[in-house]
Amino acid sequence: MKVPAILQGEARTRFLQGIAFGAVATMAIGFIWGGWVSGETARLMRATAETSGRMSVLVPLCVAQFAAADGALAKFKAASPYSKENIVSEFVKNVASTSMDYSFAKACAAGIETELAKTATKT
């Protein structure tokens, strides 16, 4: 069997260099413009989306649970901006079997402030 001319001598070298360059260019273009990500980046993006989705469901429940607690809103209004997460954690221990952590308390405090702003503009 005769080997094609493209795979002989200098042409073979250029052919293999073209394959290598094409593979590298495809990967570079894919990662830069194509939106390709590594496995670790994809895992982080998935975790962020999962947390964001869970928070969008749990924060309104947390706000309602906090508003129903006796004296919670008065204490929240009197607290400094840096301690509002602690006030939320004090009155709401868990929401829908999800325990309160700092990021959840911070999101809940932001939701409470939004609700307070809405009620302030209505009156």
C-alpha atoms as a PDB file:
ATOM      1  CA  MET A   1       0.000   0.000   0.000  1.00  0.00           C
ATOM      2  CA  LYS A   2       1.321   3.378  -0.964  1.00  0.00           C
ATOM      3  CA  VAL A   3       1.337   6.165   1.627  1.00  0.00           C
ATOM      4  CA  PRO A   4      -0.382   9.378   0.461  1.00  0.00           C
ATOM      5  CA  ALA A   5       1.888  12.284  -0.391  1.00  0.00           C
ATOM      6  CA  ILE A   6       0.467  14.354   2.459  1.00  0.00           C
ATOM      7  CA  LEU A   7       1.940  11.881   4.951  1.00  0.00           C
ATOM      8  CA  GLN A   8       5.437  11.784   3.458  1.00  0.00           C
ATOM      9  CA  GLY A   9       8.469  13.925   4.355  1.00  0.00           C
ATOM     10  CA  GLU A  10       7.978  17.694   4.781  1.00  0.00           C
ATOM     11  CA  ALA A  11       4.256  17.474   4.001  1.00  0.00           C
ATOM     12  CA  ARG A  12       3.805  15.015   6.881  1.00  0.00           C
ATOM     13  CA  THR A  13       5.428  17.447   9.317  1.00  0.00           C
ATOM     14  CA  ARG A  14       3.212  20.317   8.135  1.00  0.00           C
ATOM     15  CA  PHE A  15       0.126  18.077   8.299  1.00  0.00           C
ATOM     16  CA  LEU A  16       0.817  17.078  11.921  1.00  0.00           C
ATOM     17  CA  GLN A  17       1.626  20.682  12.846  1.00  0.00           C
ATOM     18  CA  GLY A  18      -1.691  21.752  11.320  1.00  0.00           C
ATOM     19  CA  ILE A  19      -3.560  19.138  13.370  1.00  0.00           C
ATOM     20  CA  ALA A  20      -1.822  20.286  16.569  1.00  0.00           C
ATOM     21  CA  PHE A  21      -2.422  23.973  15.793  1.00  0.00           C
ATOM     22  CA  GLY A  22      -6.073  23.285  14.956  1.00  0.00           C
ATOM     23  CA  ALA A  23      -6.615  21.425  18.222  1.00  0.00           C
ATOM     24  CA  VAL A  24      -5.022  24.201  20.283  1.00  0.00           C
ATOM     25  CA  ALA A  25      -6.932  26.907  18.398  1.00  0.00           C
ATOM     26  CA  THR A  26     -10.222  25.040  18.890  1.00  0.00           C
ATOM     27  CA  MET A  27      -9.624  24.765  22.629  1.00  0.00           C
ATOM     28  CA  ALA A  28      -8.560  28.406  22.953  1.00  0.00           C
ATOM     29  CA  ILE A  29     -11.563  29.673  21.016  1.00  0.00           C
ATOM     30  CA  GLY A  30     -13.867  27.345  22.946  1.00  0.00           C
ATOM     31  CA  PHE A  31     -12.673  28.543  26.351  1.00  0.00           C
ATOM     32  CA  ILE A  32     -12.443  32.230  25.421  1.00  0.00           C
ATOM     33  CA  TRP A  33     -15.524  32.787  23.259  1.00  0.00           C
ATOM     34  CA  GLY A  34     -17.415  29.516  23.387  1.00  0.00           C
ATOM     35  CA  GLY A  35     -18.221  29.488  27.081  1.00  0.00           C
ATOM     36  CA  TRP A  36     -16.360  26.289  27.862  1.00  0.00           C
ATOM     37  CA  VAL A  37     -15.385  25.901  31.518  1.00  0.00           C
ATOM     38  CA  SER A  38     -13.292  23.475  33.500  1.00  0.00           C
ATOM     39  CA  GLY A  39     -14.862  20.877  35.754  1.00  0.00           C
ATOM     40  CA  GLU A  40     -14.080  22.862  38.914  1.00  0.00           C
ATOM     41  CA  THR A  41     -15.641  26.035  37.516  1.00  0.00           C
ATOM     42  CA  ALA A  42     -18.733  24.077  36.483  1.00  0.00           C
ATOM     43  CA  ARG A  43     -19.002  22.621  40.002  1.00  0.00           C
ATOM     44  CA  LEU A  44     -18.777  26.093  41.551  1.00  0.00           C
ATOM     45  CA  MET A  45     -21.373  27.458  39.129  1.00  0.00           C
ATOM     46  CA  ARG A  46     -23.726  24.588  39.970  1.00  0.00           C
ATOM     47  CA  ALA A  47     -23.297  25.132  43.713  1.00  0.00           C
ATOM     48  CA  THR A  48     -23.945  28.860  43.336  1.00  0.00           C
ATOM     49  CA  ALA A  49     -27.087  28.249  41.286  1.00  0.00           C
ATOM     50  CA  GLU A  50     -28.307  25.657  43.778  1.00  0.00           C
ATOM     51  CA  THR A  51     -27.780  28.013  46.705  1.00  0.00           C
ATOM     52  CA  SER A  52     -29.407  30.901  44.854  1.00  0.00           C
ATOM     53  CA  GLY A  53     -32.438  28.780  43.986  1.00  0.00           C
ATOM     54  CA  ARG A  54     -32.794  27.518  47.523  1.00  0.00           C
ATOM     55  CA  MET A  55     -32.465  31.034  48.933  1.00  0.00           C
ATOM     56  CA  SER A  56     -35.140  32.369  46.592  1.00  0.00           C
ATOM     57  CA  VAL A  57     -37.564  29.876  48.118  1.00  0.00           C
ATOM     58  CA  LEU A  58     -36.437  30.019  51.753  1.00  0.00           C
ATOM     59  CA  VAL A  59     -35.946  33.773  52.240  1.00  0.00           C
ATOM     60  CA  PRO A  60     -39.666  34.673  51.967  1.00  0.00           C
ATOM     61  CA  LEU A  61     -40.435  31.898  54.462  1.00  0.00           C
ATOM     62  CA  CYS A  62     -37.748  33.239  56.791  1.00  0.00           C
ATOM     63  CA  VAL A  63     -39.116  36.788  56.504  1.00  0.00           C
ATOM     64  CA  ALA A  64     -42.629  35.595  57.340  1.00  0.00           C
ATOM     65  CA  GLN A  65     -41.371  33.515  60.263  1.00  0.00           C
ATOM     66  CA  PHE A  66     -39.332  36.456  61.572  1.00  0.00           C
ATOM     67  CA  ALA A  67     -42.231  38.908  61.234  1.00  0.00           C
ATOM     68  CA  ALA A  68     -44.463  36.530  63.211  1.00  0.00           C
ATOM     69  CA  ALA A  69     -42.058  36.443  66.183  1.00  0.00           C
ATOM     70  CA  ASP A  70     -42.938  38.743  69.086  1.00  0.00           C
ATOM     71  CA  GLY A  71     -40.707  41.807  69.323  1.00  0.00           C
ATOM     72  CA  ALA A  72     -38.494  40.742  66.443  1.00  0.00           C
ATOM     73  CA  LEU A  73     -39.199  43.678  64.140  1.00  0.00           C
ATOM     74  CA  ALA A  74     -38.676  46.266  66.874  1.00  0.00           C
ATOM     75  CA  LYS A  75     -35.352  44.709  67.829  1.00  0.00           C
ATOM     76  CA  PHE A  76     -34.367  44.456  64.143  1.00  0.00           C
ATOM     77  CA  LYS A  77     -35.114  48.143  63.521  1.00  0.00           C
ATOM     78  CA  ALA A  78     -33.071  49.162  66.578  1.00  0.00           C
ATOM     79  CA  ALA A  79     -30.062  46.997  65.687  1.00  0.00           C
ATOM     80  CA  SER A  80     -26.953  48.245  63.924  1.00  0.00           C
ATOM     81  CA  PRO A  81     -26.465  47.185  60.310  1.00  0.00           C
ATOM     82  CA  TYR A  82     -23.661  44.842  61.351  1.00  0.00           C
ATOM     83  CA  SER A  83     -25.705  42.899  63.886  1.00  0.00           C
ATOM     84  CA  LYS A  84     -28.930  42.367  61.944  1.00  0.00           C
ATOM     85  CA  GLU A  85     -27.857  38.867  60.857  1.00  0.00           C
ATOM     86  CA  ASN A  86     -27.419  37.953  64.532  1.00  0.00           C
ATOM     87  CA  ILE A  87     -30.919  39.241  65.328  1.00  0.00           C
ATOM     88  CA  VAL A  88     -32.349  37.087  62.539  1.00  0.00           C
ATOM     89  CA  SER A  89     -30.424  34.046  63.791  1.00  0.00           C
ATOM     90  CA  GLU A  90     -31.704  34.702  67.313  1.00  0.00           C
ATOM     91  CA  PHE A  91     -35.388  34.656  66.323  1.00  0.00           C
ATOM     92  CA  VAL A  92     -35.317  32.135  63.452  1.00  0.00           C
ATOM     93  CA  LYS A  93     -33.351  28.952  64.124  1.00  0.00           C
ATOM     94  CA  ASN A  94     -34.336  26.996  61.003  1.00  0.00           C
ATOM     95  CA  VAL A  95     -36.661  27.321  58.028  1.00  0.00           C
ATOM     96  CA  ALA A  96     -38.118  24.271  56.317  1.00  0.00           C
ATOM     97  CA  SER A  97     -35.561  22.028  58.051  1.00  0.00           C
ATOM     98  CA  THR A  98     -32.700  24.228  56.822  1.00  0.00           C
ATOM     99  CA  SER A  99     -30.559  25.482  59.662  1.00  0.00           C
ATOM    100  CA  MET A 100     -29.608  29.146  59.809  1.00  0.00           C
ATOM    101  CA  ASP A 101     -26.061  29.965  58.724  1.00  0.00           C
ATOM    102  CA  TYR A 102     -24.452  33.349  58.101  1.00  0.00           C
ATOM    103  CA  SER A 103     -25.249  33.603  54.376  1.00  0.00           C
ATOM    104  CA  PHE A 104     -28.859  32.532  54.953  1.00  0.00           C
ATOM    105  CA  ALA A 105     -29.224  35.015  57.844  1.00  0.00           C
ATOM    106  CA  LYS A 106     -27.736  37.779  55.679  1.00  0.00           C
ATOM    107  CA  ALA A 107     -30.160  37.023  52.835  1.00  0.00           C
ATOM    108  CA  CYS A 108     -33.056  36.904  55.282  1.00  0.00           C
ATOM    109  CA  ALA A 109     -32.022  40.240  56.821  1.00  0.00           C
ATOM    110  CA  ALA A 110     -31.931  41.786  53.344  1.00  0.00           C
ATOM    111  CA  GLY A 111     -35.411  40.404  52.688  1.00  0.00           C
ATOM    112  CA  ILE A 112     -36.677  41.855  55.972  1.00  0.00           C
ATOM    113  CA  GLU A 113     -35.223  45.261  55.110  1.00  0.00           C
ATOM    114  CA  THR A 114     -36.937  45.101  51.717  1.00  0.00           C
ATOM    115  CA  GLU A 115     -40.258  44.280  53.352  1.00  0.00           C
ATOM    116  CA  LEU A 116     -39.833  47.096  55.866  1.00  0.00           C
ATOM    117  CA  ALA A 117     -39.081  49.516  53.021  1.00  0.00           C
ATOM    118  CA  LYS A 118     -42.233  48.377  51.178  1.00  0.00           C
ATOM    119  CA  THR A 119     -44.421  48.879  54.237  1.00  0.00           C
ATOM    120  CA  ALA A 120     -42.821  52.288  54.910  1.00  0.00           C
ATOM    121  CA  THR A 121     -43.670  53.534  51.413  1.00  0.00           C
ATOM    122  CA  LYS A 122     -47.288  52.320  51.711  1.00  0.00           C
ATOM    123  CA  THR A 123     -47.937  54.404  54.812  1.00  0.00           C
END
